[in-house]
PDB file of N, CA and C in Angstrom:
ATOM      1  N   MET A   1     126.464  96.946 105.011  1.00  0.00           N
ATOM      2  CA  MET A   1     125.695  98.117 105.424  1.00  0.00           C
ATOM      3  C   MET A   1     125.641  99.088 104.239  1.00  0.00           C
ATOM      4  N   LYS A   2     124.421  99.503 103.904  1.00  0.00           N
ATOM      5  CA  LYS A   2     124.201 100.469 102.824  1.00  0.00           C
ATOM      6  C   LYS A   2     124.084 101.873 103.423  1.00  0.00           C
ATOM      7  N   HIS A   3     124.625 102.852 102.710  1.00  0.00           N
ATOM      8  CA  HIS A   3     124.583 104.250 103.151  1.00  0.00           C
ATOM      9  C   HIS A   3     123.642 105.030 102.244  1.00  0.00           C
ATOM     10  N   ILE A   4     122.629 105.656 102.854  1.00  0.00           N
ATOM     11  CA  ILE A   4     121.650 106.436 102.106  1.00  0.00           C
ATOM     12  C   ILE A   4     121.637 107.855 102.660  1.00  0.00           C
ATOM     13  N   LEU A   5     121.680 108.811 101.750  1.00  0.00           N
ATOM     14  CA  LEU A   5     121.617 110.223 102.116  1.00  0.00           C
ATOM     15  C   LEU A   5     120.345 110.840 101.552  1.00  0.00           C
ATOM     16  N   PHE A   6     119.619 111.564 102.389  1.00  0.00           N
ATOM     17  CA  PHE A   6     118.429 112.300 101.973  1.00  0.00           C
ATOM     18  C   PHE A   6     118.742 113.788 102.116  1.00  0.00           C
ATOM     19  N   VAL A   7     118.518 114.544 101.042  1.00  0.00           N
ATOM     20  CA  VAL A   7     118.880 115.960 101.030  1.00  0.00           C
ATOM     21  C   VAL A   7     117.670 116.812 100.649  1.00  0.00           C
ATOM     22  N   CYS A   8     117.455 117.866 101.415  1.00  0.00           N
ATOM     23  CA  CYS A   8     116.506 118.904 101.033  1.00  0.00           C
ATOM     24  C   CYS A   8     117.141 120.237 101.395  1.00  0.00           C
ATOM     25  N   ILE A   9     116.441 121.297 101.246  1.00  0.00           N
ATOM     26  CA  ILE A   9     117.053 122.607 101.458  1.00  0.00           C
ATOM     27  C   ILE A   9     117.292 122.876 102.951  1.00  0.00           C
ATOM     28  N   GLU A  10     116.244 122.821 103.764  1.00  0.00           N
ATOM     29  CA  GLU A  10     116.360 123.200 105.176  1.00  0.00           C
ATOM     30  C   GLU A  10     116.731 122.064 106.118  1.00  0.00           C
ATOM     31  N   ASN A  11     116.621 120.833 105.683  1.00  0.00           N
ATOM     32  CA  ASN A  11     116.859 119.673 106.543  1.00  0.00           C
ATOM     33  C   ASN A  11     116.032 119.774 107.823  1.00  0.00           C
ATOM     34  N   SER A  12     114.760 120.109 107.647  1.00  0.00           N
ATOM     35  CA  SER A  12     113.887 120.250 108.819  1.00  0.00           C
ATOM     36  C   SER A  12     112.583 119.473 108.693  1.00  0.00           C
ATOM     37  N   ASN A  13     112.265 118.965 107.497  1.00  0.00           N
ATOM     38  CA  ASN A  13     111.013 118.251 107.273  1.00  0.00           C
ATOM     39  C   ASN A  13     111.243 116.959 106.489  1.00  0.00           C
ATOM     40  N   ARG A  14     111.253 117.088 105.162  1.00  0.00           N
ATOM     41  CA  ARG A  14     111.284 115.929 104.263  1.00  0.00           C
ATOM     42  C   ARG A  14     112.476 115.007 104.484  1.00  0.00           C
ATOM     43  N   SER A  15     113.672 115.564 104.434  1.00  0.00           N
ATOM     44  CA  SER A  15     114.853 114.704 104.553  1.00  0.00           C
ATOM     45  C   SER A  15     114.962 114.103 105.950  1.00  0.00           C
ATOM     46  N   GLN A  16     114.519 114.823 106.965  1.00  0.00           N
ATOM     47  CA  GLN A  16     114.535 114.284 108.320  1.00  0.00           C
ATOM     48  C   GLN A  16     113.574 113.103 108.457  1.00  0.00           C
ATOM     49  N   MET A  17     112.367 113.255 107.896  1.00  0.00           N
ATOM     50  CA  MET A  17     111.403 112.147 107.963  1.00  0.00           C
ATOM     51  C   MET A  17     111.902 110.956 107.156  1.00  0.00           C
ATOM     52  N   ALA A  18     112.533 111.220 106.006  1.00  0.00           N
ATOM     53  CA  ALA A  18     113.065 110.127 105.187  1.00  0.00           C
ATOM     54  C   ALA A  18     114.154 109.382 105.943  1.00  0.00           C
ATOM     55  N   GLN A  19     115.037 110.113 106.613  1.00  0.00           N
ATOM     56  CA  GLN A  19     116.074 109.471 107.414  1.00  0.00           C
ATOM     57  C   GLN A  19     115.440 108.603 108.502  1.00  0.00           C
ATOM     58  N   ALA A  20     114.409 109.121 109.145  1.00  0.00           N
ATOM     59  CA  ALA A  20     113.722 108.359 110.189  1.00  0.00           C
ATOM     60  C   ALA A  20     113.124 107.073 109.626  1.00  0.00           C
ATOM     61  N   PHE A  21     112.448 107.174 108.477  1.00  0.00           N
ATOM     62  CA  PHE A  21     111.863 105.975 107.879  1.00  0.00           C
ATOM     63  C   PHE A  21     112.940 104.975 107.476  1.00  0.00           C
ATOM     64  N   ALA A  22     114.067 105.451 106.983  1.00  0.00           N
ATOM     65  CA  ALA A  22     115.156 104.533 106.620  1.00  0.00           C
ATOM     66  C   ALA A  22     115.687 103.832 107.868  1.00  0.00           C
ATOM     67  N   ASN A  23     115.744 104.540 108.993  1.00  0.00           N
ATOM     68  CA  ASN A  23     116.150 103.911 110.251  1.00  0.00           C
ATOM     69  C   ASN A  23     115.149 102.845 110.676  1.00  0.00           C
ATOM     70  N   ILE A  24     113.869 103.117 110.441  1.00  0.00           N
ATOM     71  CA  ILE A  24     112.822 102.167 110.820  1.00  0.00           C
ATOM     72  C   ILE A  24     112.845 100.942 109.898  1.00  0.00           C
ATOM     73  N   TYR A  25     112.781 101.170 108.595  1.00  0.00           N
ATOM     74  CA  TYR A  25     112.642 100.070 107.631  1.00  0.00           C
ATOM     75  C   TYR A  25     113.953  99.358 107.322  1.00  0.00           C
ATOM     76  N   GLY A  26     115.070 100.036 107.538  1.00  0.00           N
ATOM     77  CA  GLY A  26     116.356  99.431 107.191  1.00  0.00           C
ATOM     78  C   GLY A  26     117.199  99.082 108.395  1.00  0.00           C
ATOM     79  N   ALA A  27     116.583  98.992 109.566  1.00  0.00           N
ATOM     80  CA  ALA A  27     117.325  98.739 110.799  1.00  0.00           C
ATOM     81  C   ALA A  27     118.289  97.570 110.634  1.00  0.00           C
ATOM     82  N   GLY A  28     119.553  97.842 110.925  1.00  0.00           N
ATOM     83  CA  GLY A  28     120.573  96.811 110.834  1.00  0.00           C
ATOM     84  C   GLY A  28     121.196  96.657 109.462  1.00  0.00           C
ATOM     85  N   ASN A  29     120.553  97.182 108.433  1.00  0.00           N
ATOM     86  CA  ASN A  29     121.061  97.052 107.065  1.00  0.00           C
ATOM     87  C   ASN A  29     121.389  98.387 106.409  1.00  0.00           C
ATOM     88  N   VAL A  30     120.901  99.475 106.991  1.00  0.00           N
ATOM     89  CA  VAL A  30     121.035 100.792 106.381  1.00  0.00           C
ATOM     90  C   VAL A  30     121.586 101.775 107.400  1.00  0.00           C
ATOM     91  N   GLN A  31     122.529 102.586 106.946  1.00  0.00           N
ATOM     92  CA  GLN A  31     122.976 103.744 107.719  1.00  0.00           C
ATOM     93  C   GLN A  31     122.416 104.960 106.988  1.00  0.00           C
ATOM     94  N   ALA A  32     121.471 105.639 107.603  1.00  0.00           N
ATOM     95  CA  ALA A  32     120.783 106.755 106.956  1.00  0.00           C
ATOM     96  C   ALA A  32     121.319 108.086 107.467  1.00  0.00           C
ATOM     97  N   TYR A  33     121.392 109.042 106.547  1.00  0.00           N
ATOM     98  CA  TYR A  33     121.843 110.389 106.844  1.00  0.00           C
ATOM     99  C   TYR A  33     120.869 111.373 106.207  1.00  0.00           C
ATOM    100  N   SER A  34     120.843 112.589 106.724  1.00  0.00           N
ATOM    101  CA  SER A  34     120.092 113.661 106.065  1.00  0.00           C
ATOM    102  C   SER A  34     120.874 114.944 106.243  1.00  0.00           C
ATOM    103  N   ALA A  35     120.679 115.844 105.290  1.00  0.00           N
ATOM    104  CA  ALA A  35     121.357 117.137 105.342  1.00  0.00           C
ATOM    105  C   ALA A  35     120.595 118.128 104.474  1.00  0.00           C
ATOM    106  N   GLY A  36     120.954 119.398 104.628  1.00  0.00           N
ATOM    107  CA  GLY A  36     120.326 120.443 103.835  1.00  0.00           C
ATOM    108  C   GLY A  36     121.354 121.345 103.185  1.00  0.00           C
ATOM    109  N   SER A  37     120.995 121.875 102.025  1.00  0.00           N
ATOM    110  CA  SER A  37     121.890 122.804 101.337  1.00  0.00           C
ATOM    111  C   SER A  37     121.897 124.161 102.037  1.00  0.00           C
ATOM    112  N   CYS A  38     120.838 124.453 102.783  1.00  0.00           N
ATOM    113  CA  CYS A  38     120.739 125.686 103.568  1.00  0.00           C
ATOM    114  C   CYS A  38     119.959 125.353 104.842  1.00  0.00           C
ATOM    115  N   PRO A  39     120.584 124.615 105.780  1.00  0.00           N
ATOM    116  CA  PRO A  39     119.857 124.101 106.944  1.00  0.00           C
ATOM    117  C   PRO A  39     119.244 125.197 107.809  1.00  0.00           C
ATOM    118  N   SER A  40     118.087 124.887 108.355  1.00  0.00           N
ATOM    119  CA  SER A  40     117.337 125.845 109.175  1.00  0.00           C
ATOM    120  C   SER A  40     117.815 125.882 110.621  1.00  0.00           C
ATOM    121  N   SER A  41     118.598 124.922 111.025  1.00  0.00           N
ATOM    122  CA  SER A  41     119.123 124.751 112.385  1.00  0.00           C
ATOM    123  C   SER A  41     118.105 124.170 113.367  1.00  0.00           C
ATOM    124  N   LYS A  42     116.897 123.828 112.879  1.00  0.00           N
ATOM    125  CA  LYS A  42     115.910 123.212 113.772  1.00  0.00           C
ATOM    126  C   LYS A  42     115.014 122.264 112.969  1.00  0.00           C
ATOM    127  N   ILE A  43     114.402 121.337 113.684  1.00  0.00           N
ATOM    128  CA  ILE A  43     113.442 120.415 113.083  1.00  0.00           C
ATOM    129  C   ILE A  43     112.058 121.038 113.249  1.00  0.00           C
ATOM    130  N   ASN A  44     111.280 121.020 112.186  1.00  0.00           N
ATOM    131  CA  ASN A  44     109.936 121.578 112.221  1.00  0.00           C
ATOM    132  C   ASN A  44     109.111 120.820 113.276  1.00  0.00           C
ATOM    133  N   PRO A  45     108.482 121.533 114.197  1.00  0.00           N
ATOM    134  CA  PRO A  45     107.652 120.866 115.210  1.00  0.00           C
ATOM    135  C   PRO A  45     106.562 119.977 114.599  1.00  0.00           C
ATOM    136  N   LYS A  46     106.044 120.360 113.426  1.00  0.00           N
ATOM    137  CA  LYS A  46     105.025 119.521 112.764  1.00  0.00           C
ATOM    138  C   LYS A  46     105.613 118.171 112.356  1.00  0.00           C
ATOM    139  N   ALA A  47     106.871 118.171 111.945  1.00  0.00           N
ATOM    140  CA  ALA A  47     107.523 116.907 111.573  1.00  0.00           C
ATOM    141  C   ALA A  47     107.720 116.040 112.808  1.00  0.00           C
ATOM    142  N   ILE A  48     108.063 116.665 113.915  1.00  0.00           N
ATOM    143  CA  ILE A  48     108.233 115.911 115.167  1.00  0.00           C
ATOM    144  C   ILE A  48     106.916 115.266 115.567  1.00  0.00           C
ATOM    145  N   VAL A  49     105.825 116.028 115.506  1.00  0.00           N
ATOM    146  CA  VAL A  49     104.503 115.491 115.854  1.00  0.00           C
ATOM    147  C   VAL A  49     104.098 114.376 114.893  1.00  0.00           C
ATOM    148  N   ALA A  50     104.304 114.600 113.605  1.00  0.00           N
ATOM    149  CA  ALA A  50     103.899 113.610 112.596  1.00  0.00           C
ATOM    150  C   ALA A  50     104.636 112.288 112.783  1.00  0.00           C
ATOM    151  N   MET A  51     105.912 112.347 113.114  1.00  0.00           N
ATOM    152  CA  MET A  51     106.660 111.103 113.314  1.00  0.00           C
ATOM    153  C   MET A  51     106.353 110.480 114.675  1.00  0.00           C
ATOM    154  N   ASN A  52     106.059 111.314 115.681  1.00  0.00           N
ATOM    155  CA  ASN A  52     105.639 110.776 116.978  1.00  0.00           C
ATOM    156  C   ASN A  52     104.374 109.942 116.840  1.00  0.00           C
ATOM    157  N   GLU A  53     103.483 110.348 115.928  1.00  0.00           N
ATOM    158  CA  GLU A  53     102.258 109.582 115.692  1.00  0.00           C
ATOM    159  C   GLU A  53     102.568 108.161 115.246  1.00  0.00           C
ATOM    160  N   LEU A  54     103.744 107.959 114.680  1.00  0.00           N
ATOM    161  CA  LEU A  54     104.154 106.628 114.221  1.00  0.00           C
ATOM    162  C   LEU A  54     105.142 105.968 115.180  1.00  0.00           C
ATOM    163  N   GLY A  55     105.371 106.613 116.326  1.00  0.00           N
ATOM    164  CA  GLY A  55     106.244 106.027 117.333  1.00  0.00           C
ATOM    165  C   GLY A  55     107.725 106.333 117.150  1.00  0.00           C
ATOM    166  N   TYR A  56     108.066 107.342 116.345  1.00  0.00           N
ATOM    167  CA  TYR A  56     109.468 107.696 116.137  1.00  0.00           C
ATOM    168  C   TYR A  56     109.720 109.081 116.717  1.00  0.00           C
ATOM    169  N   ASP A  57     110.779 109.211 117.522  1.00  0.00           N
ATOM    170  CA  ASP A  57     111.101 110.483 118.164  1.00  0.00           C
ATOM    171  C   ASP A  57     112.087 111.279 117.310  1.00  0.00           C
ATOM    172  N   LEU A  58     111.561 112.174 116.501  1.00  0.00           N
ATOM    173  CA  LEU A  58     112.372 113.006 115.619  1.00  0.00           C
ATOM    174  C   LEU A  58     113.012 114.174 116.370  1.00  0.00           C
ATOM    175  N   SER A  59     112.604 114.391 117.626  1.00  0.00           N
ATOM    176  CA  SER A  59     113.161 115.503 118.394  1.00  0.00           C
ATOM    177  C   SER A  59     114.635 115.289 118.720  1.00  0.00           C
ATOM    178  N   THR A  60     115.134 114.081 118.553  1.00  0.00           N
ATOM    179  CA  THR A  60     116.549 113.795 118.817  1.00  0.00           C
ATOM    180  C   THR A  60     117.431 114.134 117.619  1.00  0.00           C
ATOM    181  N   HIS A  61     116.837 114.479 116.474  1.00  0.00           N
ATOM    182  CA  HIS A  61     117.583 114.816 115.264  1.00  0.00           C
ATOM    183  C   HIS A  61     118.026 116.280 115.294  1.00  0.00           C
ATOM    184  N   ASN A  62     119.040 116.584 114.497  1.00  0.00           N
ATOM    185  CA  ASN A  62     119.518 117.955 114.321  1.00  0.00           C
ATOM    186  C   ASN A  62     119.492 118.309 112.848  1.00  0.00           C
ATOM    187  N   SER A  63     119.176 119.549 112.540  1.00  0.00           N
ATOM    188  CA  SER A  63     119.263 120.052 111.179  1.00  0.00           C
ATOM    189  C   SER A  63     120.739 120.299 110.884  1.00  0.00           C
ATOM    190  N   LYS A  64     121.249 119.707 109.789  1.00  0.00           N
ATOM    191  CA  LYS A  64     122.667 119.832 109.500  1.00  0.00           C
ATOM    192  C   LYS A  64     122.934 120.136 108.038  1.00  0.00           C
ATOM    193  N   SER A  65     124.131 120.617 107.782  1.00  0.00           N
ATOM    194  CA  SER A  65     124.523 120.980 106.424  1.00  0.00           C
ATOM    195  C   SER A  65     125.232 119.808 105.749  1.00  0.00           C
ATOM    196  N   LEU A  66     125.382 119.917 104.456  1.00  0.00           N
ATOM    197  CA  LEU A  66     126.108 118.903 103.695  1.00  0.00           C
ATOM    198  C   LEU A  66     127.556 118.808 104.151  1.00  0.00           C
ATOM    199  N   ASP A  67     128.113 119.894 104.660  1.00  0.00           N
ATOM    200  CA  ASP A  67     129.498 119.898 105.140  1.00  0.00           C
ATOM    201  C   ASP A  67     129.689 119.035 106.379  1.00  0.00           C
ATOM    202  N   GLU A  68     128.619 118.711 107.069  1.00  0.00           N
ATOM    203  CA  GLU A  68     128.709 117.929 108.299  1.00  0.00           C
ATOM    204  C   GLU A  68     128.603 116.423 108.062  1.00  0.00           C
ATOM    205  N   LEU A  69     128.444 116.016 106.808  1.00  0.00           N
ATOM    206  CA  LEU A  69     128.303 114.600 106.507  1.00  0.00           C
ATOM    207  C   LEU A  69     129.648 113.886 106.608  1.00  0.00           C
ATOM    208  N   PRO A  70     129.627 112.606 106.948  1.00  0.00           N
ATOM    209  CA  PRO A  70     130.884 111.846 106.967  1.00  0.00           C
ATOM    210  C   PRO A  70     131.409 111.663 105.547  1.00  0.00           C
ATOM    211  N   ASP A  71     132.683 111.430 105.430  1.00  0.00           N
ATOM    212  CA  ASP A  71     133.314 111.234 104.129  1.00  0.00           C
ATOM    213  C   ASP A  71     133.160 109.772 103.723  1.00  0.00           C
ATOM    214  N   VAL A  72     131.979 109.430 103.217  1.00  0.00           N
ATOM    215  CA  VAL A  72     131.699 108.064 102.762  1.00  0.00           C
ATOM    216  C   VAL A  72     131.133 108.118 101.346  1.00  0.00           C
ATOM    217  N   GLN A  73     131.225 107.010 100.658  1.00  0.00           N
ATOM    218  CA  GLN A  73     130.567 106.854  99.360  1.00  0.00           C
ATOM    219  C   GLN A  73     129.150 106.379  99.662  1.00  0.00           C
ATOM    220  N   PHE A  74     128.161 107.192  99.300  1.00  0.00           N
ATOM    221  CA  PHE A  74     126.778 106.825  99.555  1.00  0.00           C
ATOM    222  C   PHE A  74     126.289 105.882  98.466  1.00  0.00           C
ATOM    223  N   ASP A  75     125.499 104.893  98.861  1.00  0.00           N
ATOM    224  CA  ASP A  75     124.874 104.003  97.878  1.00  0.00           C
ATOM    225  C   ASP A  75     123.765 104.745  97.153  1.00  0.00           C
ATOM    226  N   TYR A  76     123.054 105.592  97.889  1.00  0.00           N
ATOM    227  CA  TYR A  76     122.002 106.422  97.304  1.00  0.00           C
ATOM    228  C   TYR A  76     122.095 107.832  97.878  1.00  0.00           C
ATOM    229  N   SER A  77     121.983 108.811  97.010  1.00  0.00           N
ATOM    230  CA  SER A  77     121.778 110.199  97.401  1.00  0.00           C
ATOM    231  C   SER A  77     120.431 110.587  96.812  1.00  0.00           C
ATOM    232  N   ILE A  78     119.497 110.919  97.681  1.00  0.00           N
ATOM    233  CA  ILE A  78     118.128 111.180  97.245  1.00  0.00           C
ATOM    234  C   ILE A  78     117.754 112.602  97.627  1.00  0.00           C
ATOM    235  N   THR A  79     117.512 113.425  96.611  1.00  0.00           N
ATOM    236  CA  THR A  79     117.023 114.775  96.867  1.00  0.00           C
ATOM    237  C   THR A  79     115.500 114.721  96.926  1.00  0.00           C
ATOM    238  N   MET A  80     114.947 115.646  97.660  1.00  0.00           N
ATOM    239  CA  MET A  80     113.526 115.598  97.963  1.00  0.00           C
ATOM    240  C   MET A  80     112.698 116.584  97.136  1.00  0.00           C
ATOM    241  N   GLY A  81     113.235 117.023  96.002  1.00  0.00           N
ATOM    242  CA  GLY A  81     112.471 117.918  95.148  1.00  0.00           C
ATOM    243  C   GLY A  81     112.927 119.351  95.205  1.00  0.00           C
ATOM    244  N   CYS A  82     114.174 119.564  95.603  1.00  0.00           N
ATOM    245  CA  CYS A  82     114.656 120.941  95.731  1.00  0.00           C
ATOM    246  C   CYS A  82     115.493 121.378  94.542  1.00  0.00           C
ATOM    247  N   GLY A  83     115.546 120.579  93.513  1.00  0.00           N
ATOM    248  CA  GLY A  83     116.209 120.977  92.280  1.00  0.00           C
ATOM    249  C   GLY A  83     117.674 121.285  92.447  1.00  0.00           C
ATOM    250  N   ASP A  84     118.134 122.310  91.763  1.00  0.00           N
ATOM    251  CA  ASP A  84     119.558 122.605  91.764  1.00  0.00           C
ATOM    252  C   ASP A  84     120.055 123.208  93.071  1.00  0.00           C
ATOM    253  N   ALA A  85     119.177 123.462  94.023  1.00  0.00           N
ATOM    254  CA  ALA A  85     119.606 123.956  95.324  1.00  0.00           C
ATOM    255  C   ALA A  85     120.310 122.868  96.132  1.00  0.00           C
ATOM    256  N   CYS A  86     120.202 121.626  95.706  1.00  0.00           N
ATOM    257  CA  CYS A  86     120.859 120.516  96.390  1.00  0.00           C
ATOM    258  C   CYS A  86     122.005 120.004  95.524  1.00  0.00           C
ATOM    259  N   PRO A  87     123.227 120.360  95.875  1.00  0.00           N
ATOM    260  CA  PRO A  87     124.364 119.908  95.083  1.00  0.00           C
ATOM    261  C   PRO A  87     124.560 118.403  95.199  1.00  0.00           C
ATOM    262  N   LEU A  88     125.237 117.851  94.231  1.00  0.00           N
ATOM    263  CA  LEU A  88     125.485 116.416  94.224  1.00  0.00           C
ATOM    264  C   LEU A  88     126.604 116.059  95.192  1.00  0.00           C
ATOM    265  N   VAL A  89     126.504 114.889  95.772  1.00  0.00           N
ATOM    266  CA  VAL A  89     127.535 114.335  96.630  1.00  0.00           C
ATOM    267  C   VAL A  89     127.987 113.019  96.016  1.00  0.00           C
ATOM    268  N   ARG A  90     129.077 112.472  96.524  1.00  0.00           N
ATOM    269  CA  ARG A  90     129.565 111.196  96.003  1.00  0.00           C
ATOM    270  C   ARG A  90     128.548 110.102  96.307  1.00  0.00           C
ATOM    271  N   ALA A  91     127.968 109.547  95.251  1.00  0.00           N
ATOM    272  CA  ALA A  91     126.968 108.492  95.431  1.00  0.00           C
ATOM    273  C   ALA A  91     126.931 107.599  94.209  1.00  0.00           C
ATOM    274  N   THR A  92     126.714 106.336  94.440  1.00  0.00           N
ATOM    275  CA  THR A  92     126.585 105.372  93.354  1.00  0.00           C
ATOM    276  C   THR A  92     125.306 105.616  92.567  1.00  0.00           C
ATOM    277  N   ASN A  93     124.224 105.913  93.280  1.00  0.00           N
ATOM    278  CA  ASN A  93     122.922 106.155  92.657  1.00  0.00           C
ATOM    279  C   ASN A  93     122.367 107.479  93.142  1.00  0.00           C
ATOM    280  N   ARG A  94     121.762 108.231  92.221  1.00  0.00           N
ATOM    281  CA  ARG A  94     121.147 109.506  92.576  1.00  0.00           C
ATOM    282  C   ARG A  94     119.700 109.516  92.117  1.00  0.00           C
ATOM    283  N   LEU A  95     118.825 109.943  93.005  1.00  0.00           N
ATOM    284  CA  LEU A  95     117.404 110.033  92.690  1.00  0.00           C
ATOM    285  C   LEU A  95     116.870 111.383  93.149  1.00  0.00           C
ATOM    286  N   ASP A  96     115.848 111.866  92.465  1.00  0.00           N
ATOM    287  CA  ASP A  96     115.115 113.046  92.934  1.00  0.00           C
ATOM    288  C   ASP A  96     113.648 112.650  93.030  1.00  0.00           C
ATOM    289  N   TRP A  97     113.098 112.754  94.217  1.00  0.00           N
ATOM    290  CA  TRP A  97     111.728 112.305  94.441  1.00  0.00           C
ATOM    291  C   TRP A  97     110.690 113.389  94.210  1.00  0.00           C
ATOM    292  N   ASN A  98     111.070 114.625  94.069  1.00  0.00           N
ATOM    293  CA  ASN A  98     110.126 115.704  93.781  1.00  0.00           C
ATOM    294  C   ASN A  98     108.928 115.697  94.732  1.00  0.00           C
ATOM    295  N   ILE A  99     109.228 115.744  96.012  1.00  0.00           N
ATOM    296  CA  ILE A  99     108.206 115.732  97.061  1.00  0.00           C
ATOM    297  C   ILE A  99     107.943 117.165  97.504  1.00  0.00           C
ATOM    298  N   PRO A 100     106.678 117.571  97.563  1.00  0.00           N
ATOM    299  CA  PRO A 100     106.375 118.954  97.967  1.00  0.00           C
ATOM    300  C   PRO A 100     106.832 119.245  99.397  1.00  0.00           C
ATOM    301  N   ASP A 101     107.249 120.474  99.623  1.00  0.00           N
ATOM    302  CA  ASP A 101     107.671 120.890 100.959  1.00  0.00           C
ATOM    303  C   ASP A 101     106.432 121.067 101.828  1.00  0.00           C
ATOM    304  N   PRO A 102     106.302 120.280 102.899  1.00  0.00           N
ATOM    305  CA  PRO A 102     105.088 120.355 103.730  1.00  0.00           C
ATOM    306  C   PRO A 102     105.134 121.445 104.798  1.00  0.00           C
ATOM    307  N   ARG A 103     106.206 122.217 104.850  1.00  0.00           N
ATOM    308  CA  ARG A 103     106.427 123.191 105.935  1.00  0.00           C
ATOM    309  C   ARG A 103     105.182 124.009 106.279  1.00  0.00           C
ATOM    310  N   ASP A 104     104.485 124.541 105.273  1.00  0.00           N
ATOM    311  CA  ASP A 104     103.342 125.411 105.537  1.00  0.00           C
ATOM    312  C   ASP A 104     101.992 124.718 105.338  1.00  0.00           C
ATOM    313  N   MET A 105     102.000 123.415 105.246  1.00  0.00           N
ATOM    314  CA  MET A 105     100.755 122.656 105.041  1.00  0.00           C
ATOM    315  C   MET A 105     100.016 122.448 106.354  1.00  0.00           C
ATOM    316  N   ASN A 106      98.707 122.187 106.249  1.00  0.00           N
ATOM    317  CA  ASN A 106      97.945 121.847 107.451  1.00  0.00           C
ATOM    318  C   ASN A 106      98.304 120.414 107.871  1.00  0.00           C
ATOM    319  N   GLU A 107      97.801 119.991 109.031  1.00  0.00           N
ATOM    320  CA  GLU A 107      98.184 118.685 109.591  1.00  0.00           C
ATOM    321  C   GLU A 107      97.872 117.518 108.660  1.00  0.00           C
ATOM    322  N   ASN A 108      96.690 117.520 108.044  1.00  0.00           N
ATOM    323  CA  ASN A 108      96.326 116.405 107.162  1.00  0.00           C
ATOM    324  C   ASN A 108      97.207 116.348 105.926  1.00  0.00           C
ATOM    325  N   GLU A 109      97.474 117.500 105.321  1.00  0.00           N
ATOM    326  CA  GLU A 109      98.356 117.538 104.149  1.00  0.00           C
ATOM    327  C   GLU A 109      99.780 117.129 104.540  1.00  0.00           C
ATOM    328  N   PHE A 110     100.214 117.557 105.714  1.00  0.00           N
ATOM    329  CA  PHE A 110     101.538 117.196 106.213  1.00  0.00           C
ATOM    330  C   PHE A 110     101.642 115.677 106.359  1.00  0.00           C
ATOM    331  N   ARG A 111     100.618 115.068 106.935  1.00  0.00           N
ATOM    332  CA  ARG A 111     100.616 113.604 107.091  1.00  0.00           C
ATOM    333  C   ARG A 111     100.667 112.892 105.740  1.00  0.00           C
ATOM    334  N   GLN A 112      99.992 113.444 104.740  1.00  0.00           N
ATOM    335  CA  GLN A 112     100.021 112.834 103.405  1.00  0.00           C
ATOM    336  C   GLN A 112     101.439 112.852 102.835  1.00  0.00           C
ATOM    337  N   VAL A 113     102.143 113.948 103.020  1.00  0.00           N
ATOM    338  CA  VAL A 113     103.531 114.025 102.558  1.00  0.00           C
ATOM    339  C   VAL A 113     104.391 113.046 103.363  1.00  0.00           C
ATOM    340  N   ARG A 114     104.184 113.003 104.675  1.00  0.00           N
ATOM    341  CA  ARG A 114     104.910 112.044 105.520  1.00  0.00           C
ATOM    342  C   ARG A 114     104.715 110.625 105.017  1.00  0.00           C
ATOM    343  N   ASP A 115     103.474 110.264 104.715  1.00  0.00           N
ATOM    344  CA  ASP A 115     103.179 108.903 104.264  1.00  0.00           C
ATOM    345  C   ASP A 115     103.760 108.627 102.882  1.00  0.00           C
ATOM    346  N   LEU A 116     103.773 109.630 102.010  1.00  0.00           N
ATOM    347  CA  LEU A 116     104.407 109.495 100.699  1.00  0.00           C
ATOM    348  C   LEU A 116     105.892 109.207 100.871  1.00  0.00           C
ATOM    349  N   ILE A 117     106.541 109.954 101.732  1.00  0.00           N
ATOM    350  CA  ILE A 117     107.959 109.729 102.001  1.00  0.00           C
ATOM    351  C   ILE A 117     108.174 108.333 102.571  1.00  0.00           C
ATOM    352  N   GLY A 118     107.346 107.946 103.525  1.00  0.00           N
ATOM    353  CA  GLY A 118     107.473 106.615 104.125  1.00  0.00           C
ATOM    354  C   GLY A 118     107.360 105.510 103.101  1.00  0.00           C
ATOM    355  N   ASN A 119     106.413 105.617 102.190  1.00  0.00           N
ATOM    356  CA  ASN A 119     106.236 104.594 101.158  1.00  0.00           C
ATOM    357  C   ASN A 119     107.424 104.540 100.213  1.00  0.00           C
ATOM    358  N   LYS A 120     107.957 105.694  99.840  1.00  0.00           N
ATOM    359  CA  LYS A 120     109.100 105.737  98.932  1.00  0.00           C
ATOM    360  C   LYS A 120     110.346 105.166  99.601  1.00  0.00           C
ATOM    361  N   VAL A 121     110.541 105.474 100.873  1.00  0.00           N
ATOM    362  CA  VAL A 121     111.685 104.932 101.598  1.00  0.00           C
ATOM    363  C   VAL A 121     111.549 103.419 101.747  1.00  0.00           C
ATOM    364  N   LYS A 122     110.350 102.953 102.069  1.00  0.00           N
ATOM    365  CA  LYS A 122     110.148 101.511 102.206  1.00  0.00           C
ATOM    366  C   LYS A 122     110.478 100.798 100.897  1.00  0.00           C
ATOM    367  N   GLU A 123     110.096 101.389  99.783  1.00  0.00           N
ATOM    368  CA  GLU A 123     110.369 100.798  98.481  1.00  0.00           C
ATOM    369  C   GLU A 123     111.862 100.734  98.186  1.00  0.00           C
ATOM    370  N   ILE A 124     112.584 101.827  98.463  1.00  0.00           N
ATOM    371  CA  ILE A 124     114.030 101.847  98.168  1.00  0.00           C
ATOM    372  C   ILE A 124     114.775 100.898  99.092  1.00  0.00           C
ATOM    373  N   VAL A 125     114.394 100.836 100.352  1.00  0.00           N
ATOM    374  CA  VAL A 125     115.062  99.946 101.300  1.00  0.00           C
ATOM    375  C   VAL A 125     114.828  98.481 100.918  1.00  0.00           C
ATOM    376  N   SER A 126     113.643  98.176 100.411  1.00  0.00           N
ATOM    377  CA  SER A 126     113.348  96.787 100.012  1.00  0.00           C
ATOM    378  C   SER A 126     114.171  96.349  98.803  1.00  0.00           C
ATOM    379  N   GLN A 127     114.709  97.319  98.038  1.00  0.00           N
ATOM    380  CA  GLN A 127     115.511  96.998  96.860  1.00  0.00           C
ATOM    381  C   GLN A 127     116.993  96.775  97.193  1.00  0.00           C
ATOM    382  N   LEU A 128     117.391  97.123  98.413  1.00  0.00           N
ATOM    383  CA  LEU A 128     118.804  97.013  98.776  1.00  0.00           C
ATOM    384  C   LEU A 128     119.224  95.582  99.056  1.00  0.00           C
TER     385      LEU A 128
END
C-alpha cells in the first residue's frame, strides 16, 4: 500500500479533489490523505458539486490540518501550488503541481482545474 499526501492551504478544494481522485484511481493500492497548512474547516460546495458530477461524494470529507495526519512515511507529498505556505512532511518523494486555486472561479473554470488535478493524479497513481 502506497501513502500519498496532498497539501494545499485551506484543504477545501484542490487537495480534497486530489485525495478523491487517488481513492478512485488507486483503489486497493493507495491510501490517500489531504491536509491544509491553514484549513478552512469546510469543503467548498463547488468542489462537492464538481466531484458529484463524476460520481464521488466529497461531502463526506473534512478539512483538516497537517497536525491531524497519521504518523506515517508518505511515498509522495504533493503540494498543490501554495509555495512556502505548505511545510514539508516526511516523504520519500515531494512534488509541487502549481495548480491554481479554483475557489473563486466560475463553474467551467472550476471543472477545468478539477480535470487537471484528476489527470495528474491518474498519472502519479499509474507510476506506483
